[in-house]
Protein backbone atom coordinates (compact mmCIF):
# COMPACT_ATOMS: atom_id res chain seq x y z
CA UNK A 1 82.38 133.89 167.52
CA UNK A 2 83.00 130.79 169.68
CA UNK A 3 81.71 128.62 166.84
CA UNK A 4 84.21 130.18 164.42
CA UNK A 5 87.02 129.69 166.93
CA UNK A 6 86.09 126.07 167.33
CA UNK A 7 86.16 125.50 163.57
CA UNK A 8 89.61 127.06 163.33
CA UNK A 9 90.82 124.80 166.15
CA UNK A 10 89.43 121.73 164.35
CA UNK A 11 91.12 122.80 161.10
CA UNK A 12 94.44 123.13 162.85
CA UNK A 13 93.88 119.74 164.48
CA UNK A 14 93.15 118.01 161.12
CA UNK A 15 96.20 119.81 159.63
CA UNK A 16 98.38 118.51 162.45
CA UNK A 17 97.01 115.00 161.99
CA UNK A 18 97.82 115.07 158.25
CA UNK A 19 101.28 116.43 159.01
CA UNK A 20 101.89 113.60 161.44
CA UNK A 21 100.54 110.91 159.20
CA UNK A 22 102.76 112.11 156.26
CA UNK A 23 105.63 110.55 158.19
CA UNK A 24 104.09 107.06 158.02
CA UNK A 25 101.70 106.76 155.04
CA UNK A 26 104.39 105.74 152.50
CA UNK A 27 104.56 102.36 154.23
CA UNK A 28 102.04 100.04 155.82
CA UNK A 29 100.59 101.59 158.98
CA UNK A 30 97.79 101.07 161.49
CA UNK A 31 95.67 103.65 163.27
CA UNK A 32 94.25 103.30 166.73
CA UNK A 33 91.55 105.70 167.79
CA UNK A 34 90.74 105.90 171.49
CA UNK A 35 87.19 107.24 171.67
CA UNK A 36 86.96 107.78 175.40
CA UNK A 37 87.00 111.46 176.32
CA UNK A 38 84.64 112.69 173.62
CA UNK A 39 81.97 114.90 175.17
CA UNK A 40 79.24 117.20 173.94
CA UNK A 41 81.74 120.05 174.25
CA UNK A 42 84.42 118.62 171.99
CA UNK A 43 82.26 116.44 169.70
CA UNK A 44 82.74 117.45 166.00
CA UNK A 45 79.80 118.12 163.78
CA UNK A 46 78.91 115.62 161.09
CA UNK A 47 79.70 118.15 158.40
CA UNK A 48 83.23 118.61 159.72
CA UNK A 49 83.76 114.82 159.89
CA UNK A 50 82.77 114.45 156.31
CA UNK A 51 85.04 117.27 155.18
CA UNK A 52 87.93 115.70 157.19
CA UNK A 53 87.25 112.27 155.45
CA UNK A 54 87.36 113.85 152.04
CA UNK A 55 90.52 115.81 152.89
CA UNK A 56 92.34 112.48 153.47
CA UNK A 57 92.86 111.36 149.89
CA UNK A 58 94.06 108.01 148.57
CA UNK A 59 97.54 108.72 149.74
CA UNK A 60 96.47 108.30 153.34
CA UNK A 61 94.11 105.27 152.69
CA UNK A 62 96.00 102.92 150.37
CA UNK A 63 98.62 101.69 152.91
CA UNK A 64 96.37 101.72 155.94
CA UNK A 65 96.24 98.21 157.21
CA UNK A 66 93.58 98.64 159.91
CA UNK A 67 91.71 101.35 161.85
CA UNK A 68 90.84 100.19 165.36
CA UNK A 69 88.10 102.12 167.14
CA UNK A 70 88.63 101.57 170.86
CA UNK A 71 85.72 101.90 173.36
CA UNK A 72 83.15 102.87 170.70
CA UNK A 73 79.85 104.53 171.75
CA UNK A 74 76.60 104.92 170.00
CA UNK A 75 77.88 108.16 168.51
CA UNK A 76 80.60 106.29 166.64
CA UNK A 77 78.12 103.66 165.39
CA UNK A 78 75.72 106.30 164.18
CA UNK A 79 78.53 108.16 162.34
CA UNK A 80 79.57 104.93 160.74
CA UNK A 81 76.04 104.14 159.56
CA UNK A 82 75.65 107.64 158.06
CA UNK A 83 78.95 107.55 156.19
CA UNK A 84 78.87 103.88 155.25
CA UNK A 85 77.12 104.34 152.00
CA UNK A 86 79.71 106.84 150.81
CA UNK A 87 82.74 104.93 152.00
CA UNK A 88 84.33 102.20 149.85
CA UNK A 89 83.82 98.64 150.85
CA UNK A 90 87.58 98.13 150.80
CA UNK A 91 88.10 100.84 153.38
CA UNK A 92 85.15 99.62 155.40
CA UNK A 93 86.82 96.24 155.82
CA UNK A 94 89.72 97.90 157.53
CA UNK A 95 87.58 99.33 160.37
CA UNK A 96 87.32 97.24 163.51
CA UNK A 97 85.41 97.88 166.78
CA UNK A 98 87.42 97.17 169.94
CA UNK A 99 85.38 97.17 173.13
CA UNK A 100 88.19 96.49 175.62
CA UNK A 101 91.91 96.83 175.60
CA UNK A 102 92.50 93.14 176.03
CA UNK A 103 90.72 92.64 172.71
CA UNK A 104 93.18 95.14 171.09
CA UNK A 105 96.04 93.01 172.51
CA UNK A 106 94.93 90.20 170.17
CA UNK A 107 95.84 92.42 167.21
CA UNK A 108 98.64 94.69 168.45
CA UNK A 109 101.41 94.65 170.99
CA UNK A 110 100.19 97.16 173.61
CA UNK A 111 103.71 97.40 175.09
CA UNK A 112 104.66 99.24 171.93
CA UNK A 113 101.95 101.83 172.34
CA UNK A 114 101.56 104.99 174.39
CA UNK A 115 98.05 104.63 175.81
CA UNK A 116 96.77 107.75 177.66
CA UNK A 117 96.23 107.21 181.38
CA UNK A 118 92.48 108.24 181.25
CA UNK A 119 91.94 105.51 178.60
CA UNK A 120 93.60 102.89 180.82
CA UNK A 121 91.56 103.96 183.80
CA UNK A 122 88.35 103.91 181.76
CA UNK A 123 89.13 100.37 180.55
CA UNK A 124 89.71 99.28 184.14
CA UNK A 125 86.37 100.68 185.23
CA UNK A 126 84.38 99.03 182.48
CA UNK A 127 86.30 95.71 182.97
CA UNK A 128 85.50 95.79 186.70
CA UNK A 129 81.81 96.21 185.89
CA UNK A 130 81.95 93.27 183.47
CA UNK A 131 83.73 91.19 186.09
CA UNK A 132 81.14 92.13 188.71
CA UNK A 133 78.28 91.10 186.46
CA UNK A 134 80.05 87.84 185.58
CA UNK A 135 80.63 87.09 189.25
CA UNK A 136 77.11 87.86 190.22
CA UNK A 137 75.77 85.60 187.40
CA UNK A 138 78.15 82.82 188.41
CA UNK A 139 77.13 83.20 192.06
CA UNK A 140 73.43 82.96 191.19
CA UNK A 141 73.99 79.93 189.01
CA UNK A 142 75.79 78.11 191.78
CA UNK A 143 73.39 79.08 194.47
CA UNK A 144 75.71 81.62 196.01
CA UNK A 145 78.52 79.09 196.58
CA UNK A 146 82.18 79.79 196.18
CA UNK A 147 83.64 79.57 192.64
CA UNK A 148 85.51 76.39 191.77
CA UNK A 149 88.60 78.43 190.94
CA UNK A 150 89.05 79.39 194.56
CA UNK A 151 89.34 83.07 193.75
CA UNK A 152 91.98 82.69 191.06
CA UNK A 153 93.01 85.49 188.80
CA UNK A 154 91.41 86.50 185.53
CA UNK A 155 92.79 85.48 182.19
CA UNK A 156 94.32 88.91 181.81
CA UNK A 157 96.29 88.39 185.00
CA UNK A 158 97.55 85.01 184.12
CA UNK A 159 101.15 84.67 182.98
CA UNK A 160 101.58 84.55 179.24
CA UNK A 161 102.29 81.12 177.81
CA UNK A 162 105.90 80.52 176.87
CA UNK A 163 106.67 80.71 173.11
CA UNK A 164 106.45 77.58 171.06
CA UNK A 165 109.78 76.03 170.00
CA UNK A 166 108.76 76.78 166.40
CA UNK A 167 107.91 80.42 167.05
CA UNK A 168 109.62 83.08 164.88
CA UNK A 169 107.50 86.23 165.39
CA UNK A 170 107.83 88.14 168.70
CA UNK A 171 110.91 86.34 169.99
CA UNK A 172 114.68 86.99 169.83
CA UNK A 173 117.15 86.03 167.18
CA UNK A 174 118.91 83.86 169.79
CA UNK A 175 115.67 81.99 170.47
CA UNK A 176 115.16 81.30 166.75
CA UNK A 177 118.76 80.17 166.27
CA UNK A 178 118.61 77.84 169.33
CA UNK A 179 115.50 76.16 167.98
CA UNK A 180 116.70 75.86 164.35
CA UNK A 181 119.89 73.92 164.65
CA UNK A 182 122.09 76.99 164.99
CA UNK A 183 120.88 78.55 161.71
CA UNK A 184 121.67 82.31 161.97
CA UNK A 185 119.28 83.49 159.25
CA UNK A 186 115.72 82.91 160.57
CA UNK A 187 113.85 80.50 158.28
CA UNK A 188 111.00 82.94 157.57
CA UNK A 189 113.48 85.69 156.63
CA UNK A 190 115.20 83.29 154.23
CA UNK A 191 111.88 82.09 152.76
CA UNK A 192 110.64 85.67 152.15
CA UNK A 193 113.93 86.89 150.67
CA UNK A 194 114.24 83.91 148.33
CA UNK A 195 110.66 84.35 147.16
CA UNK A 196 111.04 88.08 146.63
CA UNK A 197 114.37 87.64 144.83
CA UNK A 198 112.70 86.34 141.71
CA UNK A 199 112.66 88.79 138.78
CA UNK A 200 108.87 89.14 138.75
CA UNK A 201 108.81 89.97 142.51
CA UNK A 202 111.71 92.44 142.31
CA UNK A 203 110.10 94.32 139.50
CA UNK A 204 106.71 94.69 141.28
CA UNK A 205 105.80 98.33 141.53
CA UNK A 206 105.30 99.43 145.16
CA UNK A 207 107.15 96.48 146.63
CA UNK A 208 107.26 96.89 150.42
CA UNK A 209 105.01 99.91 150.20
CA UNK A 210 101.71 98.04 149.48
CA UNK A 211 99.83 96.64 152.39
CA UNK A 212 98.23 93.22 152.70
CA UNK A 213 95.03 91.95 154.26
CA UNK A 214 95.40 92.07 158.03
CA UNK A 215 93.55 88.77 158.70
CA UNK A 216 95.60 86.96 156.04
CA UNK A 217 98.87 88.21 157.53
CA UNK A 218 97.74 87.11 160.95
CA UNK A 219 96.84 83.64 159.62
CA UNK A 220 100.34 83.33 158.04
CA UNK A 221 102.01 84.41 161.28
CA UNK A 222 100.08 81.76 163.24
CA UNK A 223 101.01 79.02 160.84
CA UNK A 224 104.66 80.03 160.82
CA UNK A 225 104.76 80.20 164.66
CA UNK A 226 103.30 76.73 164.75
CA UNK A 227 105.93 75.43 162.39
CA UNK A 228 103.50 74.79 159.57
CA UNK A 229 104.45 75.31 155.91
CA UNK A 230 103.18 78.42 154.11
CA UNK A 231 102.77 79.14 150.45
CA UNK A 232 102.75 82.77 149.31
CA UNK A 233 100.77 81.75 146.22
CA UNK A 234 102.60 84.33 144.04
CA UNK A 235 101.44 87.15 146.31
CA UNK A 236 104.68 89.26 146.70
CA UNK A 237 102.96 91.71 149.10
CA UNK A 238 102.23 89.01 151.63
CA UNK A 239 105.92 88.01 151.66
CA UNK A 240 107.03 91.64 151.82
CA UNK A 241 104.72 92.46 154.74
CA UNK A 242 105.80 89.34 156.68
CA UNK A 243 109.47 90.38 156.30
CA UNK A 244 108.74 93.81 157.71
CA UNK A 245 106.51 92.40 160.44
CA UNK A 246 109.20 89.95 161.51
CA UNK A 247 111.69 92.77 161.99
CA UNK A 248 109.10 94.99 163.71
CA UNK A 249 108.07 92.29 166.22
CA UNK A 250 111.60 91.13 167.31
CA UNK A 251 112.06 91.27 171.10
CA UNK A 252 115.00 93.61 170.45
CA UNK A 253 115.48 95.55 167.15
CA UNK A 254 117.95 94.15 164.72
CA UNK A 255 120.18 97.23 165.22
CA UNK A 256 119.80 96.77 168.99
CA UNK A 257 118.69 99.10 171.80
CA UNK A 258 122.34 99.89 172.58
CA UNK A 259 122.91 101.54 169.18
CA UNK A 260 119.67 103.62 169.25
CA UNK A 261 121.16 106.82 170.66
CA UNK A 262 124.12 106.78 168.25
CA UNK A 263 121.95 106.14 165.25
CA UNK A 264 119.46 108.96 166.15
CA UNK A 265 122.45 111.30 166.25
CA UNK A 266 123.51 110.38 162.73
CA UNK A 267 122.56 113.81 161.31
CA UNK A 268 124.99 115.54 163.64
CA UNK A 269 127.98 113.53 162.32
CA UNK A 270 130.11 115.38 159.84
CA UNK A 271 129.67 113.97 156.33
CA UNK A 272 133.30 113.04 155.94
CA UNK A 273 133.12 111.08 159.25
CA UNK A 274 129.98 109.14 158.45
CA UNK A 275 131.62 106.20 156.58
CA UNK A 276 133.97 105.49 159.42
CA UNK A 277 131.36 105.92 162.16
CA UNK A 278 128.86 103.65 160.42
CA UNK A 279 131.49 100.98 159.93
CA UNK A 280 132.33 101.11 163.61
CA UNK A 281 128.67 100.80 164.56
CA UNK A 282 127.94 97.85 162.23
CA UNK A 283 131.24 96.03 162.11
CA UNK A 284 132.43 96.47 165.69
CA UNK A 285 129.38 97.16 167.91
CA UNK A 286 126.66 95.02 166.34
CA UNK A 287 126.42 91.42 167.66
CA UNK A 288 127.61 88.77 165.19
CA UNK A 289 124.18 87.29 164.56
CA UNK A 290 122.60 90.67 164.12
CA UNK A 291 125.34 91.65 161.69
CA UNK A 292 124.83 88.52 159.63
CA UNK A 293 121.00 88.97 159.41
CA UNK A 294 121.39 92.69 158.61
CA UNK A 295 123.90 91.91 155.89
CA UNK A 296 121.59 89.27 154.39
CA UNK A 297 118.64 91.68 154.28
CA UNK A 298 120.59 94.68 153.00
CA UNK A 299 122.19 92.76 150.20
CA UNK A 300 118.75 91.60 149.17
CA UNK A 301 117.50 95.16 149.33
CA UNK A 302 120.30 96.20 147.03
CA UNK A 303 118.75 93.94 144.42
CA UNK A 304 115.43 95.74 144.98
CA UNK A 305 117.18 99.07 144.48
CA UNK A 306 118.76 97.81 141.22
CA UNK A 307 115.19 97.46 139.79
CA UNK A 308 113.97 100.84 141.14
CA UNK A 309 113.14 102.03 137.63
CA UNK A 310 110.39 99.45 137.64
CA UNK A 311 109.47 98.95 141.31
CA UNK A 312 109.95 102.64 142.23
CA UNK A 313 111.76 101.60 145.47
CA UNK A 314 114.88 103.85 145.64
CA UNK A 315 117.21 103.69 148.64
CA UNK A 316 115.39 106.60 150.27
CA UNK A 317 111.96 104.89 149.78
CA UNK A 318 113.32 101.64 151.22
CA UNK A 319 114.83 103.54 154.17
CA UNK A 320 111.44 105.04 154.98
CA UNK A 321 109.92 101.57 154.95
CA UNK A 322 112.71 99.61 156.82
CA UNK A 323 114.29 102.25 159.04
CA UNK A 324 111.71 102.23 161.84
CA UNK A 325 111.62 98.41 161.68
CA UNK A 326 115.42 98.11 162.18
CA UNK A 327 115.80 100.24 165.33
CA UNK A 328 113.53 101.85 167.88
CA UNK A 329 113.75 103.30 171.40
CA UNK A 330 114.06 100.91 174.30
CA UNK A 331 110.84 102.58 175.61
CA UNK A 332 108.35 102.26 172.79
CA UNK A 333 105.77 104.08 174.92
CA UNK A 334 107.81 107.26 174.45
CA UNK A 335 108.14 107.30 170.68
CA UNK A 336 109.76 110.53 169.45
CA UNK A 337 108.64 111.36 165.94
CA UNK A 338 111.72 113.45 165.45
CA UNK A 339 113.82 110.26 165.58
CA UNK A 340 112.45 108.98 162.30
CA UNK A 341 114.46 111.50 160.26
CA UNK A 342 117.90 110.41 161.43
CA UNK A 343 116.89 106.74 161.56
CA UNK A 344 115.78 106.83 157.93
CA UNK A 345 118.93 108.86 156.93
CA UNK A 346 121.10 106.26 158.58
CA UNK A 347 119.31 103.44 156.85
CA UNK A 348 119.57 105.20 153.49
CA UNK A 349 123.31 105.64 154.00
CA UNK A 350 123.72 101.93 154.80
CA UNK A 351 121.83 101.01 151.67
CA UNK A 352 123.72 103.36 149.46
CA UNK A 353 127.17 102.25 150.79
CA UNK A 354 126.45 98.57 151.52
CA UNK A 355 129.32 97.48 149.23
CA UNK A 356 131.80 99.37 151.40
CA UNK A 357 130.26 98.39 154.76
CA UNK A 358 129.63 94.65 154.56
CA UNK A 359 133.12 93.57 153.67
CA UNK A 360 133.33 90.64 156.10
């Protein structure tokens, strides 16, 4: 009986996971799996894992950028070896082992994630063990003498290096403007938009919905942040992903933290009041630079919408892709999935009525 109950619980869990992922899979997304906490009591059977993998069809896999397995154990490695022969090589390249949280920070902004306290505590324990072993080895090598650093902090404790003057990802619009001669439209935004405004790019099916190779995107970001030239080499999806990534990694969202609450209440506004309220938000409450960048991007997206018969990107599809990248909660550790509905609805409204909103 208990076995049947466990199977029912696992089915409900997989159903909930699919229901949750349905909110994200139409655009590029990343999954992070924290393995700590798995025990013999809650460990799934291999047969259930295989059934779960088959249940997640191409819809869930095509836009997955990366799957990070954090704190993997031998169980994870054994499962991977068993399933590897049946899993496509393309999907296999998206799977990455992450032994410590500081390694995950090299790929993702941990400040934007809600990491469970037990996982943080587990990482601290294993890091302290690693530090102890390193200290013991260093002490033995130096004959037990004091370290040359005089007890200085670890790399994780050191202050982060200030951004480069040429940096564009992960900084503010003000920073970019100050380091680019007062230019309001960030150079990478302009480069992406101009490249994607060509007829061939605009007519690409799945524009902004297709993912790009994670390592390639990271290499482009590094070059751009160093002020080096980049060539999209006719790859529209690289340019599309970089535009979304730029918006997502701004220090403050383009629509600002201040407007988050009002935007997430969009559904409660009477329909006949929405045009006026949206104009007030964008024309009166949005900072001038943010307004100009938003206008530039939305007018470009209107061109994408004009080719929706070919690229399949209607206003609602674009809203799903861009909405969460235009505004988010001031506390990203407390992401409320229910906020995506009104955010996407607000974005869709702006796209549909752009000619009435951006009149200045």
